[in-house]
Amino acid sequence: MIDFFKSAILLFEVGVAILLIALILLHGPKGEGLGSIGGEARLFTSPQGSTSGLTRLTAYVAGVFILLALLMGIFW
């Protein structure tokens, strides 16, 4: 029974990790980066409505990821 629980947590952790990576990659650029050094900085704007929801969802998924990592640390 314990082995099944460990396997389930590990499988769920991998799924949450893939989802977290995808959510992070969906975020738009926030600043100029290295382009500001040469004076050719451009500000990329994006709609703020979708950005705030995406940020909130990313934070929730990151919290789940951390909780699962703590559970894995306790049971392993």
N, C-alpha and C. Protein backbone atom coordinates (compact mmCIF):
# COMPACT_ATOMS: atom_id res chain seq x y z
N MET A 1 0.81 -1.19 0.00
CA MET A 1 0.00 0.00 0.00
C MET A 1 0.86 1.26 0.00
N ILE A 2 1.93 1.24 0.78
CA ILE A 2 2.82 2.40 0.85
C ILE A 2 3.53 2.61 -0.49
N ASP A 3 3.91 1.52 -1.15
CA ASP A 3 4.57 1.65 -2.45
C ASP A 3 3.64 2.27 -3.48
N PHE A 4 2.37 1.92 -3.43
CA PHE A 4 1.39 2.52 -4.34
C PHE A 4 1.26 4.01 -4.07
N PHE A 5 1.25 4.39 -2.79
CA PHE A 5 1.13 5.79 -2.41
C PHE A 5 2.35 6.58 -2.88
N LYS A 6 3.53 6.00 -2.71
CA LYS A 6 4.76 6.66 -3.17
C LYS A 6 4.76 6.83 -4.68
N SER A 7 4.33 5.80 -5.38
CA SER A 7 4.28 5.87 -6.84
C SER A 7 3.27 6.90 -7.31
N ALA A 8 2.14 6.98 -6.64
CA ALA A 8 1.11 7.95 -7.01
C ALA A 8 1.60 9.38 -6.80
N ILE A 9 2.26 9.62 -5.68
CA ILE A 9 2.80 10.96 -5.41
C ILE A 9 3.86 11.31 -6.45
N LEU A 10 4.72 10.37 -6.77
CA LEU A 10 5.78 10.63 -7.76
C LEU A 10 5.19 10.92 -9.13
N LEU A 11 4.20 10.16 -9.53
CA LEU A 11 3.57 10.38 -10.83
C LEU A 11 2.85 11.72 -10.87
N PHE A 12 2.15 12.07 -9.81
CA PHE A 12 1.47 13.35 -9.74
C PHE A 12 2.47 14.50 -9.73
N GLU A 13 3.60 14.32 -9.06
CA GLU A 13 4.66 15.34 -9.01
C GLU A 13 5.22 15.61 -10.40
N VAL A 14 5.42 14.56 -11.18
CA VAL A 14 5.94 14.72 -12.55
C VAL A 14 4.92 15.47 -13.40
N GLY A 15 3.65 15.13 -13.26
CA GLY A 15 2.61 15.82 -14.01
C GLY A 15 2.52 17.30 -13.66
N VAL A 16 2.60 17.60 -12.36
CA VAL A 16 2.55 18.99 -11.92
C VAL A 16 3.79 19.74 -12.39
N ALA A 17 4.94 19.07 -12.41
CA ALA A 17 6.17 19.71 -12.89
C ALA A 17 6.05 20.08 -14.37
N ILE A 18 5.51 19.18 -15.17
CA ILE A 18 5.33 19.47 -16.60
C ILE A 18 4.34 20.62 -16.79
N LEU A 19 3.26 20.62 -16.01
CA LEU A 19 2.30 21.71 -16.09
C LEU A 19 2.92 23.04 -15.68
N LEU A 20 3.74 23.02 -14.64
CA LEU A 20 4.39 24.24 -14.17
C LEU A 20 5.36 24.78 -15.22
N ILE A 21 6.10 23.91 -15.87
CA ILE A 21 7.01 24.34 -16.93
C ILE A 21 6.22 24.98 -18.07
N ALA A 22 5.12 24.37 -18.45
CA ALA A 22 4.29 24.91 -19.54
C ALA A 22 3.73 26.28 -19.16
N LEU A 23 3.27 26.43 -17.93
CA LEU A 23 2.71 27.72 -17.50
C LEU A 23 3.78 28.81 -17.47
N ILE A 24 4.96 28.47 -17.03
CA ILE A 24 6.04 29.46 -16.99
C ILE A 24 6.42 29.89 -18.41
N LEU A 25 6.43 28.95 -19.33
CA LEU A 25 6.77 29.30 -20.71
C LEU A 25 5.68 30.13 -21.38
N LEU A 26 4.45 30.08 -20.90
CA LEU A 26 3.38 30.88 -21.47
C LEU A 26 3.44 32.35 -21.06
N HIS A 27 4.20 32.66 -20.02
CA HIS A 27 4.32 34.05 -19.58
C HIS A 27 5.06 34.86 -20.64
N GLY A 28 4.61 36.09 -20.81
CA GLY A 28 5.25 37.00 -21.76
C GLY A 28 6.49 37.64 -21.16
N PRO A 29 7.29 38.27 -22.00
CA PRO A 29 8.49 38.95 -21.48
C PRO A 29 8.09 40.15 -20.64
N LYS A 30 8.80 40.39 -19.55
CA LYS A 30 8.46 41.46 -18.62
C LYS A 30 9.34 42.70 -18.78
N GLY A 31 10.54 42.54 -19.30
CA GLY A 31 11.44 43.68 -19.37
C GLY A 31 12.27 43.66 -20.64
N GLU A 32 13.26 44.53 -20.67
CA GLU A 32 14.07 44.66 -21.86
C GLU A 32 15.16 43.61 -21.95
N GLY A 33 15.60 43.10 -20.82
CA GLY A 33 16.69 42.12 -20.83
C GLY A 33 18.01 42.78 -21.20
N LEU A 34 18.83 42.08 -21.97
CA LEU A 34 20.13 42.62 -22.36
C LEU A 34 20.02 43.68 -23.45
N GLY A 35 18.85 43.82 -24.07
CA GLY A 35 18.67 44.83 -25.10
C GLY A 35 18.78 46.24 -24.57
N SER A 36 18.60 46.43 -23.27
CA SER A 36 18.68 47.77 -22.70
C SER A 36 20.11 48.28 -22.61
N ILE A 37 21.10 47.41 -22.76
CA ILE A 37 22.49 47.83 -22.65
C ILE A 37 22.89 48.71 -23.83
N GLY A 38 22.50 48.34 -25.03
CA GLY A 38 22.88 49.09 -26.21
C GLY A 38 21.95 50.24 -26.54
N GLY A 39 20.95 50.48 -25.74
CA GLY A 39 20.03 51.57 -25.99
C GLY A 39 18.91 51.21 -26.95
N GLU A 40 18.79 49.95 -27.33
CA GLU A 40 17.75 49.53 -28.26
C GLU A 40 16.63 48.78 -27.54
N ALA A 41 16.33 49.21 -26.35
CA ALA A 41 15.31 48.51 -25.55
C ALA A 41 13.92 48.79 -26.10
N ARG A 42 13.14 47.75 -26.15
CA ARG A 42 11.73 47.86 -26.54
C ARG A 42 10.89 47.25 -25.44
N LEU A 43 9.79 47.88 -25.17
CA LEU A 43 8.90 47.35 -24.15
C LEU A 43 7.81 46.55 -24.82
N PHE A 44 7.76 45.27 -24.54
CA PHE A 44 6.72 44.41 -25.10
C PHE A 44 5.52 44.45 -24.17
N THR A 45 4.41 44.85 -24.71
CA THR A 45 3.21 44.93 -23.88
C THR A 45 2.32 43.74 -24.17
N SER A 46 1.57 43.35 -23.18
CA SER A 46 0.63 42.25 -23.33
C SER A 46 -0.64 42.62 -22.58
N PRO A 47 -1.74 41.99 -22.92
CA PRO A 47 -2.99 42.27 -22.19
C PRO A 47 -2.85 41.90 -20.71
N GLN A 48 -3.21 42.81 -19.85
CA GLN A 48 -3.04 42.58 -18.41
C GLN A 48 -4.07 41.62 -17.83
N GLY A 49 -5.22 41.47 -18.47
CA GLY A 49 -6.25 40.58 -17.94
C GLY A 49 -5.81 39.14 -17.91
N SER A 50 -5.24 38.67 -18.99
CA SER A 50 -4.79 37.27 -19.03
C SER A 50 -3.53 37.07 -18.22
N THR A 51 -2.72 38.11 -18.08
CA THR A 51 -1.46 37.99 -17.35
C THR A 51 -1.71 37.75 -15.86
N SER A 52 -2.66 38.46 -15.28
CA SER A 52 -2.90 38.30 -13.85
C SER A 52 -3.48 36.92 -13.54
N GLY A 53 -4.37 36.41 -14.39
CA GLY A 53 -4.91 35.08 -14.18
C GLY A 53 -3.85 34.00 -14.37
N LEU A 54 -2.99 34.19 -15.34
CA LEU A 54 -1.92 33.23 -15.59
C LEU A 54 -0.92 33.23 -14.44
N THR A 55 -0.64 34.40 -13.91
CA THR A 55 0.28 34.50 -12.77
C THR A 55 -0.30 33.81 -11.55
N ARG A 56 -1.59 34.01 -11.31
CA ARG A 56 -2.25 33.38 -10.16
C ARG A 56 -2.25 31.86 -10.31
N LEU A 57 -2.56 31.36 -11.52
CA LEU A 57 -2.58 29.93 -11.76
C LEU A 57 -1.18 29.33 -11.59
N THR A 58 -0.17 30.04 -12.07
CA THR A 58 1.21 29.58 -11.92
C THR A 58 1.59 29.50 -10.44
N ALA A 59 1.16 30.46 -9.66
CA ALA A 59 1.47 30.45 -8.22
C ALA A 59 0.79 29.27 -7.52
N TYR A 60 -0.46 28.97 -7.89
CA TYR A 60 -1.15 27.83 -7.28
C TYR A 60 -0.47 26.51 -7.65
N VAL A 61 -0.10 26.37 -8.91
CA VAL A 61 0.55 25.12 -9.34
C VAL A 61 1.92 25.00 -8.67
N ALA A 62 2.63 26.11 -8.51
CA ALA A 62 3.92 26.07 -7.82
C ALA A 62 3.74 25.66 -6.36
N GLY A 63 2.67 26.13 -5.72
CA GLY A 63 2.38 25.72 -4.34
C GLY A 63 2.11 24.24 -4.22
N VAL A 64 1.34 23.70 -5.16
CA VAL A 64 1.07 22.25 -5.18
C VAL A 64 2.37 21.49 -5.39
N PHE A 65 3.21 21.99 -6.27
CA PHE A 65 4.50 21.34 -6.53
C PHE A 65 5.35 21.29 -5.26
N ILE A 66 5.39 22.39 -4.53
CA ILE A 66 6.18 22.44 -3.29
C ILE A 66 5.60 21.49 -2.24
N LEU A 67 4.28 21.47 -2.11
CA LEU A 67 3.66 20.55 -1.14
C LEU A 67 3.94 19.09 -1.47
N LEU A 68 3.86 18.75 -2.76
CA LEU A 68 4.18 17.38 -3.16
C LEU A 68 5.64 17.05 -2.91
N ALA A 69 6.51 18.01 -3.14
CA ALA A 69 7.94 17.78 -2.88
C ALA A 69 8.18 17.55 -1.39
N LEU A 70 7.46 18.29 -0.53
CA LEU A 70 7.58 18.07 0.91
C LEU A 70 7.06 16.70 1.30
N LEU A 71 5.94 16.28 0.73
CA LEU A 71 5.41 14.94 1.00
C LEU A 71 6.40 13.86 0.58
N MET A 72 7.01 14.06 -0.57
CA MET A 72 8.00 13.08 -1.04
C MET A 72 9.20 13.04 -0.10
N GLY A 73 9.59 14.20 0.43
CA GLY A 73 10.70 14.24 1.36
C GLY A 73 10.38 13.55 2.68
N ILE A 74 9.14 13.61 3.10
CA ILE A 74 8.74 12.98 4.35
C ILE A 74 8.66 11.46 4.19
N PHE A 75 8.10 10.98 3.09
CA PHE A 75 7.85 9.55 2.92
C PHE A 75 9.04 8.78 2.36
N TRP A 76 10.02 9.47 1.82
CA TRP A 76 11.15 8.73 1.27
C TRP A 76 12.21 8.64 2.28
